N, C-alpha and C. Protein backbone atom coordinates (compact mmCIF):
# COMPACT_ATOMS: atom_id res chain seq x y z
N MET A 1 0.82 -1.18 0.00
CA MET A 1 0.00 0.00 0.00
C MET A 1 0.87 1.26 0.00
N THR A 2 1.98 1.18 0.68
CA THR A 2 2.88 2.33 0.74
C THR A 2 3.42 2.66 -0.64
N LEU A 3 3.72 1.64 -1.43
CA LEU A 3 4.25 1.87 -2.77
C LEU A 3 3.25 2.58 -3.68
N MET A 4 1.96 2.42 -3.42
CA MET A 4 0.94 3.06 -4.25
C MET A 4 0.83 4.56 -3.98
N GLY A 5 1.05 4.98 -2.74
CA GLY A 5 0.80 6.36 -2.38
C GLY A 5 2.00 7.28 -2.40
N ILE A 6 3.14 6.79 -2.00
CA ILE A 6 4.33 7.63 -1.85
C ILE A 6 5.48 7.01 -2.64
N ASP A 7 6.29 7.84 -3.23
CA ASP A 7 7.43 7.35 -4.00
C ASP A 7 8.64 7.19 -3.07
N LEU A 8 8.69 6.06 -2.37
CA LEU A 8 9.81 5.73 -1.48
C LEU A 8 10.57 4.54 -2.05
N PRO A 9 11.86 4.48 -1.83
CA PRO A 9 12.61 3.30 -2.27
C PRO A 9 12.15 2.06 -1.50
N LEU A 10 12.15 0.92 -2.19
CA LEU A 10 11.72 -0.34 -1.59
C LEU A 10 12.54 -0.67 -0.34
N GLU A 11 13.83 -0.39 -0.37
CA GLU A 11 14.68 -0.69 0.79
C GLU A 11 14.25 0.12 2.01
N ALA A 12 13.85 1.37 1.83
CA ALA A 12 13.40 2.20 2.94
C ALA A 12 12.11 1.64 3.55
N ILE A 13 11.21 1.17 2.71
CA ILE A 13 9.96 0.58 3.19
C ILE A 13 10.23 -0.70 3.95
N ARG A 14 11.10 -1.55 3.43
CA ARG A 14 11.46 -2.79 4.12
C ARG A 14 12.11 -2.51 5.47
N ARG A 15 12.96 -1.51 5.51
CA ARG A 15 13.63 -1.13 6.75
C ARG A 15 12.61 -0.66 7.80
N GLN A 16 11.61 0.09 7.37
CA GLN A 16 10.56 0.55 8.28
C GLN A 16 9.73 -0.62 8.80
N ILE A 17 9.41 -1.57 7.94
CA ILE A 17 8.67 -2.75 8.37
C ILE A 17 9.48 -3.53 9.40
N ALA A 18 10.77 -3.74 9.12
CA ALA A 18 11.63 -4.51 10.03
C ALA A 18 11.76 -3.84 11.39
N SER A 19 11.74 -2.52 11.42
CA SER A 19 11.87 -1.83 12.70
C SER A 19 10.54 -1.72 13.43
N GLY A 20 9.42 -1.86 12.73
CA GLY A 20 8.11 -1.69 13.35
C GLY A 20 7.40 -2.97 13.73
N VAL A 21 7.87 -4.12 13.24
CA VAL A 21 7.21 -5.40 13.51
C VAL A 21 8.18 -6.28 14.30
N ASP A 22 7.69 -6.87 15.39
CA ASP A 22 8.54 -7.74 16.21
C ASP A 22 8.26 -9.22 15.96
N ILE A 23 6.98 -9.58 15.88
CA ILE A 23 6.58 -10.98 15.74
C ILE A 23 5.56 -11.10 14.61
N LEU A 24 5.71 -12.13 13.78
CA LEU A 24 4.73 -12.45 12.74
C LEU A 24 4.02 -13.73 13.13
N VAL A 25 2.70 -13.75 13.01
CA VAL A 25 1.90 -14.94 13.30
C VAL A 25 1.22 -15.33 12.00
N HIS A 26 1.50 -16.55 11.53
CA HIS A 26 0.96 -17.02 10.25
C HIS A 26 -0.16 -18.03 10.52
N LEU A 27 -1.38 -17.66 10.13
CA LEU A 27 -2.52 -18.56 10.20
C LEU A 27 -2.82 -19.05 8.80
N GLY A 28 -3.19 -20.32 8.69
CA GLY A 28 -3.48 -20.86 7.36
C GLY A 28 -4.61 -21.85 7.39
N ARG A 29 -5.14 -22.13 6.21
CA ARG A 29 -6.24 -23.09 6.10
C ARG A 29 -5.66 -24.45 5.74
N MET A 30 -6.10 -25.46 6.46
CA MET A 30 -5.63 -26.83 6.24
C MET A 30 -6.49 -27.52 5.18
N ARG A 31 -6.10 -28.74 4.82
CA ARG A 31 -6.85 -29.49 3.81
C ARG A 31 -8.28 -29.77 4.24
N ASP A 32 -8.49 -29.94 5.55
CA ASP A 32 -9.84 -30.23 6.07
C ASP A 32 -10.67 -28.95 6.25
N LYS A 33 -10.20 -27.83 5.71
CA LYS A 33 -10.87 -26.53 5.75
C LYS A 33 -10.79 -25.83 7.11
N SER A 34 -10.12 -26.42 8.08
CA SER A 34 -9.94 -25.75 9.37
C SER A 34 -8.77 -24.77 9.28
N ARG A 35 -8.76 -23.81 10.17
CA ARG A 35 -7.64 -22.85 10.22
C ARG A 35 -6.75 -23.22 11.40
N LYS A 36 -5.45 -23.13 11.17
CA LYS A 36 -4.48 -23.47 12.21
C LYS A 36 -3.40 -22.40 12.27
N LEU A 37 -2.79 -22.28 13.42
CA LEU A 37 -1.62 -21.43 13.57
C LEU A 37 -0.44 -22.22 13.00
N LEU A 38 0.15 -21.76 11.91
CA LEU A 38 1.19 -22.51 11.22
C LEU A 38 2.60 -22.12 11.62
N GLU A 39 2.80 -20.86 11.97
CA GLU A 39 4.17 -20.44 12.29
C GLU A 39 4.14 -19.14 13.09
N ILE A 40 5.06 -19.04 14.03
CA ILE A 40 5.33 -17.80 14.75
C ILE A 40 6.80 -17.48 14.49
N THR A 41 7.06 -16.30 13.97
CA THR A 41 8.40 -15.92 13.55
C THR A 41 8.78 -14.57 14.14
N GLU A 42 10.02 -14.47 14.61
CA GLU A 42 10.54 -13.21 15.13
C GLU A 42 11.20 -12.44 13.99
N VAL A 43 10.93 -11.14 13.91
CA VAL A 43 11.60 -10.27 12.94
C VAL A 43 12.85 -9.75 13.63
N CYS A 44 14.02 -10.09 13.09
CA CYS A 44 15.29 -9.79 13.77
C CYS A 44 15.94 -8.50 13.30
N GLY A 45 15.57 -8.00 12.16
CA GLY A 45 16.19 -6.77 11.67
C GLY A 45 16.26 -6.75 10.16
N PHE A 46 17.15 -5.92 9.66
CA PHE A 46 17.28 -5.70 8.22
C PHE A 46 18.75 -5.76 7.83
N GLU A 47 19.10 -6.67 6.92
CA GLU A 47 20.49 -6.84 6.46
C GLU A 47 20.51 -7.15 4.97
N ASN A 48 21.48 -6.60 4.28
CA ASN A 48 21.70 -6.89 2.86
C ASN A 48 20.43 -6.73 2.02
N GLY A 49 19.61 -5.74 2.34
CA GLY A 49 18.41 -5.48 1.57
C GLY A 49 17.24 -6.39 1.87
N GLU A 50 17.34 -7.25 2.87
CA GLU A 50 16.28 -8.20 3.20
C GLU A 50 15.92 -8.13 4.68
N ILE A 51 14.64 -8.37 4.97
CA ILE A 51 14.19 -8.47 6.36
C ILE A 51 14.63 -9.82 6.90
N GLN A 52 15.32 -9.83 8.02
CA GLN A 52 15.83 -11.06 8.63
C GLN A 52 14.80 -11.60 9.62
N THR A 53 14.48 -12.88 9.51
CA THR A 53 13.51 -13.52 10.40
C THR A 53 14.12 -14.74 11.07
N HIS A 54 13.50 -15.14 12.17
CA HIS A 54 13.95 -16.29 12.95
C HIS A 54 12.71 -17.05 13.41
N PRO A 55 12.49 -18.30 12.94
CA PRO A 55 11.28 -19.03 13.34
C PRO A 55 11.32 -19.42 14.82
N LEU A 56 10.19 -19.24 15.50
CA LEU A 56 10.08 -19.62 16.91
C LEU A 56 9.26 -20.90 17.06
N TYR A 57 8.15 -20.99 16.35
CA TYR A 57 7.30 -22.18 16.36
C TYR A 57 6.87 -22.47 14.93
N GLN A 58 6.78 -23.77 14.58
CA GLN A 58 6.35 -24.16 13.24
C GLN A 58 5.38 -25.33 13.35
N TRP A 59 4.40 -25.36 12.45
CA TRP A 59 3.43 -26.45 12.40
C TRP A 59 4.05 -27.64 11.68
N LYS A 60 4.02 -28.78 12.32
CA LYS A 60 4.45 -30.04 11.71
C LYS A 60 3.23 -30.94 11.59
N GLU A 61 3.06 -31.57 10.44
CA GLU A 61 1.86 -32.36 10.17
C GLU A 61 1.61 -33.43 11.23
N LYS A 62 2.64 -34.10 11.68
CA LYS A 62 2.46 -35.20 12.65
C LYS A 62 2.44 -34.72 14.09
N ASN A 63 3.17 -33.65 14.41
CA ASN A 63 3.33 -33.23 15.80
C ASN A 63 2.56 -31.98 16.18
N GLY A 64 1.97 -31.29 15.22
CA GLY A 64 1.30 -30.03 15.51
C GLY A 64 2.31 -28.90 15.60
N LEU A 65 2.06 -27.93 16.46
CA LEU A 65 2.94 -26.77 16.61
C LEU A 65 4.12 -27.14 17.50
N VAL A 66 5.33 -27.05 16.95
CA VAL A 66 6.53 -27.42 17.71
C VAL A 66 7.49 -26.23 17.77
N LYS A 67 8.24 -26.18 18.84
CA LYS A 67 9.22 -25.11 19.03
C LYS A 67 10.36 -25.28 18.04
N ALA A 68 10.71 -24.18 17.36
CA ALA A 68 11.77 -24.23 16.36
C ALA A 68 12.99 -23.41 16.77
N GLY A 69 12.82 -22.53 17.75
CA GLY A 69 13.95 -21.70 18.17
C GLY A 69 13.59 -20.86 19.39
N GLU A 70 14.58 -20.19 19.91
CA GLU A 70 14.42 -19.32 21.08
C GLU A 70 14.27 -17.88 20.62
N LEU A 71 13.55 -17.09 21.39
CA LEU A 71 13.41 -15.67 21.14
C LEU A 71 14.77 -15.01 21.31
N LEU A 72 15.23 -14.30 20.28
CA LEU A 72 16.56 -13.69 20.30
C LEU A 72 16.56 -12.31 20.96
N HIS A 73 15.55 -11.52 20.67
CA HIS A 73 15.51 -10.14 21.15
C HIS A 73 14.44 -10.00 22.23
N CYS A 74 14.85 -10.01 23.48
CA CYS A 74 13.93 -9.99 24.63
C CYS A 74 13.85 -8.62 25.28
N GLU A 75 14.53 -7.62 24.74
CA GLU A 75 14.66 -6.33 25.41
C GLU A 75 13.30 -5.67 25.66
N LYS A 76 12.41 -5.67 24.67
CA LYS A 76 11.11 -5.01 24.85
C LYS A 76 10.28 -5.70 25.92
N LEU A 77 10.34 -7.02 25.97
CA LEU A 77 9.59 -7.74 26.99
C LEU A 77 10.14 -7.43 28.38
N GLU A 78 11.45 -7.36 28.50
CA GLU A 78 12.07 -7.06 29.78
C GLU A 78 11.75 -5.63 30.23
N ARG A 79 11.73 -4.69 29.28
CA ARG A 79 11.37 -3.31 29.62
C ARG A 79 9.92 -3.20 30.07
N ALA A 80 9.07 -4.11 29.58
CA ALA A 80 7.66 -4.13 29.94
C ALA A 80 7.44 -4.82 31.29
N GLY A 81 8.51 -5.36 31.89
CA GLY A 81 8.41 -5.98 33.20
C GLY A 81 8.32 -7.49 33.19
N MET A 82 8.40 -8.12 32.02
CA MET A 82 8.35 -9.58 31.96
C MET A 82 9.74 -10.15 32.27
N LYS A 83 9.77 -11.23 33.03
CA LYS A 83 11.02 -11.91 33.33
C LYS A 83 11.07 -13.19 32.53
N LEU A 84 12.14 -13.36 31.77
CA LEU A 84 12.28 -14.55 30.92
C LEU A 84 13.30 -15.49 31.48
């Protein structure tokens, strides 16, 4: 939507997205028409023109939602008073 309204370079828009989003939650429709949480991914930053992500949880067909990694950037949670 940003590309339609303002003439900004794509890299600047990607950099803004990377700095403004911390966690992505991917919901999807399964073969049986149900919706499931398929992936939770941490947005780690912006490098080499690409948004860097780190998967935290991923949906596996046999096991359901399984842990794929640890949260790398905990600073905002700690500032909010959460203890990890």
